[in-house]
Amino acid sequence: MSTWTVYILQCKDDSLYTGITTDLEARIEVHNRGDGAKYTRGRGPVRLLWSQDALSESQARKREYEIKQLSRAQKLELISAS
């Protein structure tokens, strides 16, 4: 059984990207190659700011959605609280 991870990246334009994966290191490499999410293409290199393990894909997707609803300031607060 795979461990799902929710993560927040900082792009080179200082924007934040939230996603989920079962292999965080590999996913960051994909983002940095420009083959990741459409949003991060052309915004690399990216830097990991925050991550949290989830028990299931469903839980990870729910947490990802919750984070995507937050304002930038709230996301930065979440990151700094870790």
C-alpha atoms as a PDB file:
ATOM      1  CA  MET A   1       0.000   0.000   0.000  1.00  0.00           C
ATOM      2  CA  SER A   2       1.382   3.413  -1.012  1.00  0.00           C
ATOM      3  CA  THR A   3       1.690   6.349   1.317  1.00  0.00           C
ATOM      4  CA  TRP A   4       0.115   9.467  -0.137  1.00  0.00           C
ATOM      5  CA  THR A   5       1.650  12.870   0.506  1.00  0.00           C
ATOM      6  CA  VAL A   6       0.135  16.339   0.171  1.00  0.00           C
ATOM      7  CA  TYR A   7       2.724  19.007  -0.621  1.00  0.00           C
ATOM      8  CA  ILE A   8       3.171  22.717  -1.265  1.00  0.00           C
ATOM      9  CA  LEU A   9       5.854  23.952  -3.646  1.00  0.00           C
ATOM     10  CA  GLN A  10       7.233  27.421  -4.199  1.00  0.00           C
ATOM     11  CA  CYS A  11       7.759  28.213  -7.880  1.00  0.00           C
ATOM     12  CA  LYS A  12      10.501  30.510  -9.194  1.00  0.00           C
ATOM     13  CA  ASP A  13       7.869  33.251  -9.694  1.00  0.00           C
ATOM     14  CA  ASP A  14       7.146  32.953  -5.919  1.00  0.00           C
ATOM     15  CA  SER A  15       3.714  31.424  -6.511  1.00  0.00           C
ATOM     16  CA  LEU A  16       2.601  28.387  -4.510  1.00  0.00           C
ATOM     17  CA  TYR A  17       1.471  25.051  -5.937  1.00  0.00           C
ATOM     18  CA  THR A  18      -0.313  22.307  -3.987  1.00  0.00           C
ATOM     19  CA  GLY A  19      -0.428  18.687  -5.115  1.00  0.00           C
ATOM     20  CA  ILE A  20      -0.455  15.051  -4.032  1.00  0.00           C
ATOM     21  CA  THR A  21       1.808  12.113  -4.828  1.00  0.00           C
ATOM     22  CA  THR A  22       2.987   8.700  -3.657  1.00  0.00           C
ATOM     23  CA  ASP A  23       6.652   9.528  -4.368  1.00  0.00           C
ATOM     24  CA  LEU A  24       7.479  13.083  -3.327  1.00  0.00           C
ATOM     25  CA  GLU A  25      11.117  13.136  -4.413  1.00  0.00           C
ATOM     26  CA  ALA A  26      10.309  11.799  -7.881  1.00  0.00           C
ATOM     27  CA  ARG A  27       7.361  14.163  -8.271  1.00  0.00           C
ATOM     28  CA  ILE A  28       9.495  17.207  -7.474  1.00  0.00           C
ATOM     29  CA  GLU A  29      12.016  16.035 -10.096  1.00  0.00           C
ATOM     30  CA  VAL A  30       9.178  15.775 -12.637  1.00  0.00           C
ATOM     31  CA  HIS A  31       8.022  19.311 -11.796  1.00  0.00           C
ATOM     32  CA  ASN A  32      11.580  20.610 -12.161  1.00  0.00           C
ATOM     33  CA  ARG A  33      12.001  18.910 -15.555  1.00  0.00           C
ATOM     34  CA  GLY A  34       8.924  20.779 -16.761  1.00  0.00           C
ATOM     35  CA  ASP A  35       6.903  17.584 -17.141  1.00  0.00           C
ATOM     36  CA  GLY A  36       4.767  18.016 -14.035  1.00  0.00           C
ATOM     37  CA  ALA A  37       1.479  19.808 -13.631  1.00  0.00           C
ATOM     38  CA  LYS A  38       0.555  22.335 -16.299  1.00  0.00           C
ATOM     39  CA  TYR A  39       0.734  25.091 -13.668  1.00  0.00           C
ATOM     40  CA  THR A  40       4.378  24.426 -12.782  1.00  0.00           C
ATOM     41  CA  ARG A  41       5.615  24.163 -16.379  1.00  0.00           C
ATOM     42  CA  GLY A  42       7.761  27.211 -17.026  1.00  0.00           C
ATOM     43  CA  ARG A  43       7.689  28.130 -13.348  1.00  0.00           C
ATOM     44  CA  GLY A  44      10.592  25.904 -12.308  1.00  0.00           C
ATOM     45  CA  PRO A  45      12.692  25.254 -10.539  1.00  0.00           C
ATOM     46  CA  VAL A  46      10.325  24.538  -7.685  1.00  0.00           C
ATOM     47  CA  ARG A  47      11.203  24.172  -4.019  1.00  0.00           C
ATOM     48  CA  LEU A  48       9.380  22.052  -1.442  1.00  0.00           C
ATOM     49  CA  LEU A  49       8.005  24.200   1.383  1.00  0.00           C
ATOM     50  CA  TRP A  50       5.658  21.800   3.175  1.00  0.00           C
ATOM     51  CA  SER A  51       4.409  18.223   3.091  1.00  0.00           C
ATOM     52  CA  GLN A  52       2.066  16.018   5.073  1.00  0.00           C
ATOM     53  CA  ASP A  53       1.464  12.279   4.796  1.00  0.00           C
ATOM     54  CA  ALA A  54      -2.080  11.013   4.329  1.00  0.00           C
ATOM     55  CA  LEU A  55      -3.537   7.590   5.062  1.00  0.00           C
ATOM     56  CA  SER A  56      -5.215   7.187   1.674  1.00  0.00           C
ATOM     57  CA  GLU A  57      -5.598   8.798  -1.731  1.00  0.00           C
ATOM     58  CA  SER A  58      -9.044   9.992  -0.711  1.00  0.00           C
ATOM     59  CA  GLN A  59      -7.699  11.667   2.416  1.00  0.00           C
ATOM     60  CA  ALA A  60      -4.875  13.260   0.401  1.00  0.00           C
ATOM     61  CA  ARG A  61      -7.295  14.637  -2.205  1.00  0.00           C
ATOM     62  CA  LYS A  62      -9.542  16.090   0.499  1.00  0.00           C
ATOM     63  CA  ARG A  63      -6.592  17.773   2.220  1.00  0.00           C
ATOM     64  CA  GLU A  64      -5.299  19.073  -1.125  1.00  0.00           C
ATOM     65  CA  TYR A  65      -8.719  20.604  -1.813  1.00  0.00           C
ATOM     66  CA  GLU A  66      -8.822  22.205   1.649  1.00  0.00           C
ATOM     67  CA  ILE A  67      -5.392  23.760   1.130  1.00  0.00           C
ATOM     68  CA  LYS A  68      -6.262  25.026  -2.346  1.00  0.00           C
ATOM     69  CA  GLN A  69      -9.189  26.929  -0.803  1.00  0.00           C
ATOM     70  CA  LEU A  70      -6.836  28.847   1.500  1.00  0.00           C
ATOM     71  CA  SER A  71      -5.502  32.290   0.692  1.00  0.00           C
ATOM     72  CA  ARG A  72      -1.782  32.713   0.087  1.00  0.00           C
ATOM     73  CA  ALA A  73      -1.404  34.205   3.570  1.00  0.00           C
ATOM     74  CA  GLN A  74      -3.167  31.209   5.122  1.00  0.00           C
ATOM     75  CA  LYS A  75      -0.951  28.799   3.174  1.00  0.00           C
ATOM     76  CA  LEU A  76       2.158  30.618   4.381  1.00  0.00           C
ATOM     77  CA  GLU A  77       0.804  30.430   7.944  1.00  0.00           C
ATOM     78  CA  LEU A  78       0.289  26.673   7.538  1.00  0.00           C
ATOM     79  CA  ILE A  79       3.859  26.315   6.263  1.00  0.00           C
ATOM     80  CA  SER A  80       5.369  28.375   9.089  1.00  0.00           C
ATOM     81  CA  ALA A  81       3.387  26.458  11.724  1.00  0.00           C
ATOM     82  CA  SER A  82       5.057  23.181  10.684  1.00  0.00           C
END
